[in-house]
């Protein structure tokens, strides 16, 4: 499962990563991983992941976003990953919950 592979990869590289917001909202910067679409053919899968970077300030969220983009570029070194492309990234602050966040969307080709 690409979500678990990404979660483990980011965690192994020092990022506090989750697949859902923990019950007690973390005080430190963290990311949420969400698969937004996927498909595949001939034993090769294509997935689009949205990775939301949260921070106490907008600057902190932006810094986490940049760290995630750098790490995701290098994720192609994993045996099960063929290609990682940044689709888009942008300020995605949650005004309702008053939480600063950025979102980076990646297209990943994997086995």
PDB file of N, CA and C in Angstrom:
ATOM      1  N   UNK A   1       0.855  -1.172   0.000  1.00  0.00           N
ATOM      2  CA  UNK A   1       0.000   0.000   0.000  1.00  0.00           C
ATOM      3  C   UNK A   1       0.902   1.238   0.000  1.00  0.00           C
ATOM      4  N   UNK A   2       0.720   2.110  -0.984  1.00  0.00           N
ATOM      5  CA  UNK A   2       1.596   3.263  -1.168  1.00  0.00           C
ATOM      6  C   UNK A   2       1.513   4.241   0.003  1.00  0.00           C
ATOM      7  N   UNK A   3       0.358   4.341   0.644  1.00  0.00           N
ATOM      8  CA  UNK A   3       0.240   5.241   1.790  1.00  0.00           C
ATOM      9  C   UNK A   3       1.164   4.794   2.921  1.00  0.00           C
ATOM     10  N   UNK A   4       1.194   3.494   3.198  1.00  0.00           N
ATOM     11  CA  UNK A   4       2.040   2.947   4.263  1.00  0.00           C
ATOM     12  C   UNK A   4       3.518   3.070   3.891  1.00  0.00           C
ATOM     13  N   UNK A   5       3.847   2.814   2.640  1.00  0.00           N
ATOM     14  CA  UNK A   5       5.231   2.964   2.183  1.00  0.00           C
ATOM     15  C   UNK A   5       5.694   4.400   2.391  1.00  0.00           C
ATOM     16  N   UNK A   6       4.850   5.363   2.028  1.00  0.00           N
ATOM     17  CA  UNK A   6       5.190   6.778   2.177  1.00  0.00           C
ATOM     18  C   UNK A   6       5.274   7.156   3.655  1.00  0.00           C
ATOM     19  N   UNK A   7       4.340   6.683   4.448  1.00  0.00           N
ATOM     20  CA  UNK A   7       4.353   6.945   5.889  1.00  0.00           C
ATOM     21  C   UNK A   7       5.660   6.456   6.513  1.00  0.00           C
ATOM     22  N   UNK A   8       6.029   5.226   6.222  1.00  0.00           N
ATOM     23  CA  UNK A   8       7.267   4.653   6.770  1.00  0.00           C
ATOM     24  C   UNK A   8       8.492   5.415   6.281  1.00  0.00           C
ATOM     25  N   UNK A   9       8.504   5.762   5.012  1.00  0.00           N
ATOM     26  CA  UNK A   9       9.643   6.482   4.430  1.00  0.00           C
ATOM     27  C   UNK A   9       9.826   7.850   5.096  1.00  0.00           C
ATOM     28  N   UNK A  10       8.753   8.609   5.213  1.00  0.00           N
ATOM     29  CA  UNK A  10       8.860   9.932   5.827  1.00  0.00           C
ATOM     30  C   UNK A  10       9.235   9.825   7.303  1.00  0.00           C
ATOM     31  N   UNK A  11       8.632   8.890   8.014  1.00  0.00           N
ATOM     32  CA  UNK A  11       8.941   8.682   9.432  1.00  0.00           C
ATOM     33  C   UNK A  11      10.404   8.285   9.617  1.00  0.00           C
ATOM     34  N   UNK A  12      10.888   7.388   8.772  1.00  0.00           N
ATOM     35  CA  UNK A  12      12.293   6.953   8.838  1.00  0.00           C
ATOM     36  C   UNK A  12      13.258   8.106   8.570  1.00  0.00           C
ATOM     37  N   UNK A  13      12.773   9.150   7.912  1.00  0.00           N
ATOM     38  CA  UNK A  13      13.605  10.306   7.592  1.00  0.00           C
ATOM     39  C   UNK A  13      13.311  11.507   8.497  1.00  0.00           C
ATOM     40  N   UNK A  14      12.751  11.234   9.671  1.00  0.00           N
ATOM     41  CA  UNK A  14      12.609  12.259  10.695  1.00  0.00           C
ATOM     42  C   UNK A  14      11.372  13.124  10.641  1.00  0.00           C
ATOM     43  N   UNK A  15      10.407  12.785   9.791  1.00  0.00           N
ATOM     44  CA  UNK A  15       9.169  13.563   9.693  1.00  0.00           C
ATOM     45  C   UNK A  15       8.103  12.901  10.556  1.00  0.00           C
ATOM     46  N   UNK A  16       7.419  13.688  11.346  1.00  0.00           N
ATOM     47  CA  UNK A  16       6.293  13.194  12.126  1.00  0.00           C
ATOM     48  C   UNK A  16       5.111  13.077  11.161  1.00  0.00           C
ATOM     49  N   UNK A  17       4.783  11.840  10.763  1.00  0.00           N
ATOM     50  CA  UNK A  17       3.780  11.613   9.711  1.00  0.00           C
ATOM     51  C   UNK A  17       2.650  10.719  10.222  1.00  0.00           C
ATOM     52  N   UNK A  18       1.451  11.002   9.746  1.00  0.00           N
ATOM     53  CA  UNK A  18       0.249  10.262  10.135  1.00  0.00           C
ATOM     54  C   UNK A  18      -0.645  10.081   8.910  1.00  0.00           C
ATOM     55  N   UNK A  19      -1.593   9.133   9.036  1.00  0.00           N
ATOM     56  CA  UNK A  19      -2.596   8.958   7.987  1.00  0.00           C
ATOM     57  C   UNK A  19      -3.945   9.543   8.416  1.00  0.00           C
ATOM     58  N   UNK A  20      -4.030   9.972   9.673  1.00  0.00           N
ATOM     59  CA  UNK A  20      -5.182  10.707  10.168  1.00  0.00           C
ATOM     60  C   UNK A  20      -4.719  11.556  11.341  1.00  0.00           C
ATOM     61  N   UNK A  21      -5.443  12.631  11.629  1.00  0.00           N
ATOM     62  CA  UNK A  21      -5.039  13.517  12.724  1.00  0.00           C
ATOM     63  C   UNK A  21      -5.184  12.758  14.044  1.00  0.00           C
ATOM     64  N   UNK A  22      -4.119  12.727  14.837  1.00  0.00           N
ATOM     65  CA  UNK A  22      -4.197  12.054  16.146  1.00  0.00           C
ATOM     66  C   UNK A  22      -5.224  12.735  17.050  1.00  0.00           C
ATOM     67  N   UNK A  23      -5.716  12.002  18.057  1.00  0.00           N
ATOM     68  CA  UNK A  23      -6.716  12.560  18.973  1.00  0.00           C
ATOM     69  C   UNK A  23      -6.217  13.830  19.640  1.00  0.00           C
ATOM     70  N   UNK A  24      -4.962  13.812  20.106  1.00  0.00           N
ATOM     71  CA  UNK A  24      -4.391  15.036  20.669  1.00  0.00           C
ATOM     72  C   UNK A  24      -3.524  15.667  19.572  1.00  0.00           C
ATOM     73  N   UNK A  25      -3.948  16.821  19.108  1.00  0.00           N
ATOM     74  CA  UNK A  25      -3.292  17.494  17.988  1.00  0.00           C
ATOM     75  C   UNK A  25      -1.831  17.751  18.341  1.00  0.00           C
ATOM     76  N   UNK A  26      -0.885  17.263  17.525  1.00  0.00           N
ATOM     77  CA  UNK A  26       0.539  17.438  17.824  1.00  0.00           C
ATOM     78  C   UNK A  26       0.956  18.907  17.893  1.00  0.00           C
ATOM     79  N   UNK A  27       1.840  19.205  18.838  1.00  0.00           N
ATOM     80  CA  UNK A  27       2.335  20.576  18.995  1.00  0.00           C
ATOM     81  C   UNK A  27       3.446  20.878  17.999  1.00  0.00           C
ATOM     82  N   UNK A  28       4.118  19.844  17.516  1.00  0.00           N
ATOM     83  CA  UNK A  28       5.228  20.034  16.585  1.00  0.00           C
ATOM     84  C   UNK A  28       4.723  19.915  15.148  1.00  0.00           C
ATOM     85  N   UNK A  29       5.498  20.391  14.180  1.00  0.00           N
ATOM     86  CA  UNK A  29       5.088  20.228  12.780  1.00  0.00           C
ATOM     87  C   UNK A  29       4.904  18.739  12.440  1.00  0.00           C
ATOM     88  N   UNK A  30       3.912  18.465  11.625  1.00  0.00           N
ATOM     89  CA  UNK A  30       3.649  17.092  11.201  1.00  0.00           C
ATOM     90  C   UNK A  30       2.981  17.098   9.845  1.00  0.00           C
ATOM     91  N   UNK A  31       2.870  15.908   9.242  1.00  0.00           N
ATOM     92  CA  UNK A  31       2.195  15.787   7.954  1.00  0.00           C
ATOM     93  C   UNK A  31       1.114  14.719   8.011  1.00  0.00           C
ATOM     94  N   UNK A  32       0.109  14.914   7.186  1.00  0.00           N
ATOM     95  CA  UNK A  32      -0.946  13.918   6.961  1.00  0.00           C
ATOM     96  C   UNK A  32      -0.812  13.426   5.526  1.00  0.00           C
ATOM     97  N   UNK A  33      -0.969  12.128   5.346  1.00  0.00           N
ATOM     98  CA  UNK A  33      -0.858  11.508   4.024  1.00  0.00           C
ATOM     99  C   UNK A  33      -2.226  11.009   3.610  1.00  0.00           C
ATOM    100  N   UNK A  34      -2.649  11.359   2.392  1.00  0.00           N
ATOM    101  CA  UNK A  34      -3.955  10.931   1.893  1.00  0.00           C
ATOM    102  C   UNK A  34      -3.835  10.560   0.418  1.00  0.00           C
ATOM    103  N   UNK A  35      -4.318   9.379   0.080  1.00  0.00           N
ATOM    104  CA  UNK A  35      -4.367   8.988  -1.329  1.00  0.00           C
ATOM    105  C   UNK A  35      -5.640   9.570  -1.915  1.00  0.00           C
ATOM    106  N   UNK A  36      -5.498  10.325  -3.012  1.00  0.00           N
ATOM    107  CA  UNK A  36      -6.659  10.978  -3.607  1.00  0.00           C
ATOM    108  C   UNK A  36      -7.159  10.273  -4.860  1.00  0.00           C
ATOM    109  N   UNK A  37      -6.290   9.488  -5.495  1.00  0.00           N
ATOM    110  CA  UNK A  37      -6.717   8.694  -6.648  1.00  0.00           C
ATOM    111  C   UNK A  37      -5.648   7.671  -6.966  1.00  0.00           C
ATOM    112  N   UNK A  38      -6.010   6.738  -7.818  1.00  0.00           N
ATOM    113  CA  UNK A  38      -5.055   5.703  -8.196  1.00  0.00           C
ATOM    114  C   UNK A  38      -5.592   4.857  -9.329  1.00  0.00           C
ATOM    115  N   UNK A  39      -4.723   4.039  -9.842  1.00  0.00           N
ATOM    116  CA  UNK A  39      -5.076   3.138 -10.933  1.00  0.00           C
ATOM    117  C   UNK A  39      -3.878   2.269 -11.228  1.00  0.00           C
ATOM    118  N   UNK A  40      -3.943   1.566 -12.334  1.00  0.00           N
ATOM    119  CA  UNK A  40      -2.807   0.740 -12.695  1.00  0.00           C
ATOM    120  C   UNK A  40      -3.097  -0.126 -13.892  1.00  0.00           C
ATOM    121  N   UNK A  41      -2.021  -0.725 -14.396  1.00  0.00           N
ATOM    122  CA  UNK A  41      -2.109  -1.639 -15.528  1.00  0.00           C
ATOM    123  C   UNK A  41      -0.851  -2.494 -15.543  1.00  0.00           C
ATOM    124  N   UNK A  42      -1.019  -3.746 -15.898  1.00  0.00           N
ATOM    125  CA  UNK A  42       0.104  -4.663 -16.068  1.00  0.00           C
ATOM    126  C   UNK A  42       1.050  -4.671 -14.871  1.00  0.00           C
ATOM    127  N   UNK A  43       0.481  -4.771 -13.671  1.00  0.00           N
ATOM    128  CA  UNK A  43       1.230  -4.887 -12.408  1.00  0.00           C
ATOM    129  C   UNK A  43       1.981  -3.616 -12.011  1.00  0.00           C
ATOM    130  N   UNK A  44       1.693  -2.501 -12.650  1.00  0.00           N
ATOM    131  CA  UNK A  44       2.282  -1.218 -12.259  1.00  0.00           C
ATOM    132  C   UNK A  44       1.134  -0.315 -11.818  1.00  0.00           C
ATOM    133  N   UNK A  45       1.300   0.306 -10.640  1.00  0.00           N
ATOM    134  CA  UNK A  45       0.254   1.158 -10.074  1.00  0.00           C
ATOM    135  C   UNK A  45       0.621   2.624 -10.214  1.00  0.00           C
ATOM    136  N   UNK A  46      -0.414   3.454 -10.298  1.00  0.00           N
ATOM    137  CA  UNK A  46      -0.273   4.900 -10.368  1.00  0.00           C
ATOM    138  C   UNK A  46      -1.122   5.479  -9.248  1.00  0.00           C
ATOM    139  N   UNK A  47      -0.527   6.286  -8.396  1.00  0.00           N
ATOM    140  CA  UNK A  47      -1.257   6.872  -7.273  1.00  0.00           C
ATOM    141  C   UNK A  47      -0.981   8.363  -7.185  1.00  0.00           C
ATOM    142  N   UNK A  48      -1.981   9.074  -6.729  1.00  0.00           N
ATOM    143  CA  UNK A  48      -1.814  10.494  -6.429  1.00  0.00           C
ATOM    144  C   UNK A  48      -1.993  10.650  -4.922  1.00  0.00           C
ATOM    145  N   UNK A  49      -0.954  11.205  -4.274  1.00  0.00           N
ATOM    146  CA  UNK A  49      -0.995  11.423  -2.833  1.00  0.00           C
ATOM    147  C   UNK A  49      -0.982  12.912  -2.535  1.00  0.00           C
ATOM    148  N   UNK A  50      -1.817  13.307  -1.591  1.00  0.00           N
ATOM    149  CA  UNK A  50      -1.789  14.668  -1.056  1.00  0.00           C
ATOM    150  C   UNK A  50      -1.131  14.577   0.313  1.00  0.00           C
ATOM    151  N   UNK A  51      -0.092  15.369   0.505  1.00  0.00           N
ATOM    152  CA  UNK A  51       0.599  15.398   1.788  1.00  0.00           C
ATOM    153  C   UNK A  51       0.439  16.804   2.357  1.00  0.00           C
ATOM    154  N   UNK A  52      -0.283  16.873   3.472  1.00  0.00           N
ATOM    155  CA  UNK A  52      -0.566  18.150   4.116  1.00  0.00           C
ATOM    156  C   UNK A  52       0.428  18.369   5.242  1.00  0.00           C
ATOM    157  N   UNK A  53       1.131  19.486   5.184  1.00  0.00           N
ATOM    158  CA  UNK A  53       2.128  19.847   6.192  1.00  0.00           C
ATOM    159  C   UNK A  53       1.525  20.874   7.141  1.00  0.00           C
ATOM    160  N   UNK A  54       1.462  20.528   8.428  1.00  0.00           N
ATOM    161  CA  UNK A  54       0.909  21.398   9.450  1.00  0.00           C
ATOM    162  C   UNK A  54       2.023  22.035  10.272  1.00  0.00           C
ATOM    163  N   UNK A  55       1.808  23.262  10.713  1.00  0.00           N
ATOM    164  CA  UNK A  55       2.752  23.945  11.585  1.00  0.00           C
ATOM    165  C   UNK A  55       2.038  24.942  12.469  1.00  0.00           C
ATOM    166  N   UNK A  56       2.709  25.374  13.543  1.00  0.00           N
ATOM    167  CA  UNK A  56       2.134  26.357  14.463  1.00  0.00           C
ATOM    168  C   UNK A  56       2.028  27.727  13.802  1.00  0.00           C
ATOM    169  N   UNK A  57       2.892  27.963  12.794  1.00  0.00           N
ATOM    170  CA  UNK A  57       2.851  29.215  12.035  1.00  0.00           C
ATOM    171  C   UNK A  57       2.821  28.856  10.553  1.00  0.00           C
ATOM    172  N   UNK A  58       2.461  29.815   9.734  1.00  0.00           N
ATOM    173  CA  UNK A  58       2.449  29.587   8.294  1.00  0.00           C
ATOM    174  C   UNK A  58       3.863  29.278   7.798  1.00  0.00           C
ATOM    175  N   UNK A  59       4.842  29.972   8.353  1.00  0.00           N
ATOM    176  CA  UNK A  59       6.241  29.734   7.981  1.00  0.00           C
ATOM    177  C   UNK A  59       6.663  28.310   8.326  1.00  0.00           C
ATOM    178  N   UNK A  60       6.286  27.831   9.498  1.00  0.00           N
ATOM    179  CA  UNK A  60       6.630  26.470   9.923  1.00  0.00           C
ATOM    180  C   UNK A  60       5.986  25.433   8.994  1.00  0.00           C
ATOM    181  N   UNK A  61       4.743  25.669   8.598  1.00  0.00           N
ATOM    182  CA  UNK A  61       4.060  24.761   7.671  1.00  0.00           C
ATOM    183  C   UNK A  61       4.753  24.771   6.309  1.00  0.00           C
ATOM    184  N   UNK A  62       5.174  25.957   5.862  1.00  0.00           N
ATOM    185  CA  UNK A  62       5.882  26.075   4.579  1.00  0.00           C
ATOM    186  C   UNK A  62       7.227  25.371   4.627  1.00  0.00           C
ATOM    187  N   UNK A  63       7.941  25.482   5.748  1.00  0.00           N
ATOM    188  CA  UNK A  63       9.223  24.786   5.907  1.00  0.00           C
ATOM    189  C   UNK A  63       9.031  23.267   5.842  1.00  0.00           C
ATOM    190  N   UNK A  64       8.008  22.767   6.521  1.00  0.00           N
ATOM    191  CA  UNK A  64       7.735  21.327   6.504  1.00  0.00           C
ATOM    192  C   UNK A  64       7.399  20.883   5.084  1.00  0.00           C
ATOM    193  N   UNK A  65       6.638  21.697   4.368  1.00  0.00           N
ATOM    194  CA  UNK A  65       6.287  21.391   2.985  1.00  0.00           C
ATOM    195  C   UNK A  65       7.545  21.255   2.126  1.00  0.00           C
ATOM    196  N   UNK A  66       8.485  22.158   2.303  1.00  0.00           N
ATOM    197  CA  UNK A  66       9.734  22.097   1.533  1.00  0.00           C
ATOM    198  C   UNK A  66      10.537  20.845   1.881  1.00  0.00           C
ATOM    199  N   UNK A  67      10.566  20.492   3.158  1.00  0.00           N
ATOM    200  CA  UNK A  67      11.268  19.273   3.584  1.00  0.00           C
ATOM    201  C   UNK A  67      10.628  18.039   2.945  1.00  0.00           C
ATOM    202  N   UNK A  68       9.304  18.002   2.938  1.00  0.00           N
ATOM    203  CA  UNK A  68       8.581  16.869   2.346  1.00  0.00           C
ATOM    204  C   UNK A  68       8.873  16.776   0.848  1.00  0.00           C
ATOM    205  N   UNK A  69       8.869  17.896   0.145  1.00  0.00           N
ATOM    206  CA  UNK A  69       9.136  17.873  -1.299  1.00  0.00           C
ATOM    207  C   UNK A  69      10.530  17.320  -1.586  1.00  0.00           C
ATOM    208  N   UNK A  70      11.511  17.714  -0.799  1.00  0.00           N
ATOM    209  CA  UNK A  70      12.872  17.208  -0.980  1.00  0.00           C
ATOM    210  C   UNK A  70      12.937  15.707  -0.718  1.00  0.00           C
ATOM    211  N   UNK A  71      12.322  15.265   0.365  1.00  0.00           N
ATOM    212  CA  UNK A  71      12.338  13.837   0.688  1.00  0.00           C
ATOM    213  C   UNK A  71      11.602  13.008  -0.363  1.00  0.00           C
ATOM    214  N   UNK A  72      10.470  13.507  -0.826  1.00  0.00           N
ATOM    215  CA  UNK A  72       9.683  12.748  -1.796  1.00  0.00           C
ATOM    216  C   UNK A  72      10.436  12.577  -3.114  1.00  0.00           C
ATOM    217  N   UNK A  73      11.233  13.554  -3.502  1.00  0.00           N
ATOM    218  CA  UNK A  73      12.066  13.410  -4.709  1.00  0.00           C
ATOM    219  C   UNK A  73      12.989  12.199  -4.581  1.00  0.00           C
ATOM    220  N   UNK A  74      13.517  12.002  -3.374  1.00  0.00           N
ATOM    221  CA  UNK A  74      14.463  10.911  -3.134  1.00  0.00           C
ATOM    222  C   UNK A  74      13.785   9.568  -2.891  1.00  0.00           C
ATOM    223  N   UNK A  75      12.475   9.546  -2.745  1.00  0.00           N
ATOM    224  CA  UNK A  75      11.757   8.296  -2.484  1.00  0.00           C
ATOM    225  C   UNK A  75      11.887   7.312  -3.650  1.00  0.00           C
ATOM    226  N   UNK A  76      12.252   7.810  -4.822  1.00  0.00           N
ATOM    227  CA  UNK A  76      12.418   6.964  -5.996  1.00  0.00           C
ATOM    228  C   UNK A  76      13.535   5.933  -5.781  1.00  0.00           C
ATOM    229  N   UNK A  77      14.364   6.141  -4.780  1.00  0.00           N
ATOM    230  CA  UNK A  77      15.427   5.187  -4.468  1.00  0.00           C
ATOM    231  C   UNK A  77      14.888   3.871  -3.904  1.00  0.00           C
ATOM    232  N   UNK A  78      13.650   3.857  -3.412  1.00  0.00           N
ATOM    233  CA  UNK A  78      13.050   2.619  -2.907  1.00  0.00           C
ATOM    234  C   UNK A  78      12.773   1.676  -4.074  1.00  0.00           C
ATOM    235  N   UNK A  79      12.969   0.380  -3.857  1.00  0.00           N
ATOM    236  CA  UNK A  79      12.802  -0.615  -4.918  1.00  0.00           C
ATOM    237  C   UNK A  79      11.396  -0.619  -5.519  1.00  0.00           C
ATOM    238  N   UNK A  80      10.359  -0.368  -4.713  1.00  0.00           N
ATOM    239  CA  UNK A  80       8.980  -0.459  -5.197  1.00  0.00           C
ATOM    240  C   UNK A  80       8.478   0.823  -5.861  1.00  0.00           C
ATOM    241  N   UNK A  81       9.325   1.853  -5.904  1.00  0.00           N
ATOM    242  CA  UNK A  81       8.931   3.137  -6.489  1.00  0.00           C
ATOM    243  C   UNK A  81       9.647   3.337  -7.821  1.00  0.00           C
ATOM    244  N   UNK A  82       8.877   3.606  -8.876  1.00  0.00           N
ATOM    245  CA  UNK A  82       9.450   3.842 -10.211  1.00  0.00           C
ATOM    246  C   UNK A  82       9.659   5.321 -10.489  1.00  0.00           C
ATOM    247  N   UNK A  83       8.711   6.155 -10.028  1.00  0.00           N
ATOM    248  CA  UNK A  83       8.762   7.577 -10.361  1.00  0.00           C
ATOM    249  C   UNK A  83       7.955   8.368  -9.341  1.00  0.00           C
ATOM    250  N   UNK A  84       8.454   9.542  -8.979  1.00  0.00           N
ATOM    251  CA  UNK A  84       7.732  10.473  -8.106  1.00  0.00           C
ATOM    252  C   UNK A  84       7.790  11.846  -8.754  1.00  0.00           C
ATOM    253  N   UNK A  85       6.634  12.436  -8.995  1.00  0.00           N
ATOM    254  CA  UNK A  85       6.567  13.771  -9.606  1.00  0.00           C
ATOM    255  C   UNK A  85       5.694  14.676  -8.748  1.00  0.00           C
ATOM    256  N   UNK A  86       6.185  15.877  -8.504  1.00  0.00           N
ATOM    257  CA  UNK A  86       5.379  16.875  -7.804  1.00  0.00           C
ATOM    258  C   UNK A  86       4.341  17.406  -8.788  1.00  0.00           C
ATOM    259  N   UNK A  87       3.079  17.235  -8.449  1.00  0.00           N
ATOM    260  CA  UNK A  87       1.980  17.721  -9.283  1.00  0.00           C
ATOM    261  C   UNK A  87       1.715  19.193  -8.991  1.00  0.00           C
ATOM    262  N   UNK A  88       1.635  19.543  -7.692  1.00  0.00           N
ATOM    263  CA  UNK A  88       1.408  20.928  -7.275  1.00  0.00           C
ATOM    264  C   UNK A  88       1.659  21.053  -5.777  1.00  0.00           C
ATOM    265  N   UNK A  89       1.879  22.268  -5.325  1.00  0.00           N
ATOM    266  CA  UNK A  89       1.918  22.534  -3.885  1.00  0.00           C
ATOM    267  C   UNK A  89       1.449  23.960  -3.649  1.00  0.00           C
ATOM    268  N   UNK A  90       0.792  24.177  -2.515  1.00  0.00           N
ATOM    269  CA  UNK A  90       0.158  25.466  -2.271  1.00  0.00           C
ATOM    270  C   UNK A  90      -0.223  25.609  -0.805  1.00  0.00           C
ATOM    271  N   UNK A  91      -0.455  26.868  -0.423  1.00  0.00           N
ATOM    272  CA  UNK A  91      -0.955  27.175   0.911  1.00  0.00           C
ATOM    273  C   UNK A  91      -2.373  26.604   1.001  1.00  0.00           C
ATOM    274  N   UNK A  92      -2.620  25.819   2.034  1.00  0.00           N
ATOM    275  CA  UNK A  92      -3.910  25.133   2.195  1.00  0.00           C
ATOM    276  C   UNK A  92      -4.404  25.320   3.622  1.00  0.00           C
ATOM    277  N   UNK A  93      -4.190  26.535   4.154  1.00  0.00           N
ATOM    278  CA  UNK A  93      -4.551  26.822   5.545  1.00  0.00           C
ATOM    279  C   UNK A  93      -6.021  26.519   5.787  1.00  0.00           C
ATOM    280  N   UNK A  94      -6.298  25.838   6.908  1.00  0.00           N
ATOM    281  CA  UNK A  94      -7.652  25.479   7.310  1.00  0.00           C
ATOM    282  C   UNK A  94      -8.207  26.632   8.145  1.00  0.00           C
ATOM    283  N   UNK A  95      -8.930  27.534   7.498  1.00  0.00           N
ATOM    284  CA  UNK A  95      -9.447  28.727   8.173  1.00  0.00           C
ATOM    285  C   UNK A  95     -10.493  28.364   9.225  1.00  0.00           C
ATOM    286  N   UNK A  96     -11.277  27.325   8.993  1.00  0.00           N
ATOM    287  CA  UNK A  96     -12.313  26.923   9.936  1.00  0.00           C
ATOM    288  C   UNK A  96     -11.706  26.461  11.256  1.00  0.00           C
ATOM    289  N   UNK A  97     -10.695  25.599  11.167  1.00  0.00           N
ATOM    290  CA  UNK A  97     -10.037  25.077  12.377  1.00  0.00           C
ATOM    291  C   UNK A  97      -8.901  25.978  12.839  1.00  0.00           C
ATOM    292  N   UNK A  98      -8.584  27.012  12.056  1.00  0.00           N
ATOM    293  CA  UNK A  98      -7.496  27.941  12.363  1.00  0.00           C
ATOM    294  C   UNK A  98      -6.168  27.212  12.532  1.00  0.00           C
ATOM    295  N   UNK A  99      -5.839  26.392  11.511  1.00  0.00           N
ATOM    296  CA  UNK A  99      -4.584  25.641  11.506  1.00  0.00           C
ATOM    297  C   UNK A  99      -3.847  25.921  10.213  1.00  0.00           C
ATOM    298  N   UNK A 100      -2.570  26.282  10.358  1.00  0.00           N
ATOM    299  CA  UNK A 100      -1.738  26.549   9.189  1.00  0.00           C
ATOM    300  C   UNK A 100      -1.301  25.238   8.555  1.00  0.00           C
ATOM    301  N   UNK A 101      -1.413  25.174   7.232  1.00  0.00           N
ATOM    302  CA  UNK A 101      -0.964  23.984   6.515  1.00  0.00           C
ATOM    303  C   UNK A 101      -0.667  24.331   5.062  1.00  0.00           C
ATOM    304  N   UNK A 102       0.194  23.519   4.487  1.00  0.00           N
ATOM    305  CA  UNK A 102       0.477  23.535   3.056  1.00  0.00           C
ATOM    306  C   UNK A 102       0.102  22.158   2.538  1.00  0.00           C
ATOM    307  N   UNK A 103      -0.165  22.073   1.252  1.00  0.00           N
ATOM    308  CA  UNK A 103      -0.435  20.762   0.646  1.00  0.00           C
ATOM    309  C   UNK A 103       0.416  20.599  -0.586  1.00  0.00           C
ATOM    310  N   UNK A 104       1.094  19.451  -0.656  1.00  0.00           N
ATOM    311  CA  UNK A 104       1.865  19.067  -1.840  1.00  0.00           C
ATOM    312  C   UNK A 104       1.220  17.801  -2.399  1.00  0.00           C
ATOM    313  N   UNK A 105       0.992  17.791  -3.694  1.00  0.00           N
ATOM    314  CA  UNK A 105       0.355  16.658  -4.365  1.00  0.00           C
ATOM    315  C   UNK A 105       1.391  15.995  -5.258  1.00  0.00           C
ATOM    316  N   UNK A 106       1.531  14.668  -5.090  1.00  0.00           N
ATOM    317  CA  UNK A 106       2.528  13.901  -5.830  1.00  0.00           C
ATOM    318  C   UNK A 106       1.877  12.805  -6.652  1.00  0.00           C
ATOM    319  N   UNK A 107       2.399  12.617  -7.866  1.00  0.00           N
ATOM    320  CA  UNK A 107       2.012  11.499  -8.709  1.00  0.00           C
ATOM    321  C   UNK A 107       3.132  10.466  -8.580  1.00  0.00           C
ATOM    322  N   UNK A 108       2.750   9.248  -8.180  1.00  0.00           N
ATOM    323  CA  UNK A 108       3.745   8.212  -7.900  1.00  0.00           C
ATOM    324  C   UNK A 108       3.435   6.976  -8.741  1.00  0.00           C
ATOM    325  N   UNK A 109       4.457   6.454  -9.417  1.00  0.00           N
ATOM    326  CA  UNK A 109       4.353   5.203 -10.144  1.00  0.00           C
ATOM    327  C   UNK A 109       5.093   4.163  -9.309  1.00  0.00           C
ATOM    328  N   UNK A 110       4.424   3.049  -9.032  1.00  0.00           N
ATOM    329  CA  UNK A 110       4.990   2.066  -8.098  1.00  0.00           C
ATOM    330  C   UNK A 110       4.499   0.654  -8.413  1.00  0.00           C
ATOM    331  N   UNK A 111       5.182  -0.322  -7.801  1.00  0.00           N
ATOM    332  CA  UNK A 111       4.798  -1.734  -7.936  1.00  0.00           C
ATOM    333  C   UNK A 111       3.896  -2.124  -6.807  1.00  0.00           C
TER     334      UNK A 111
END
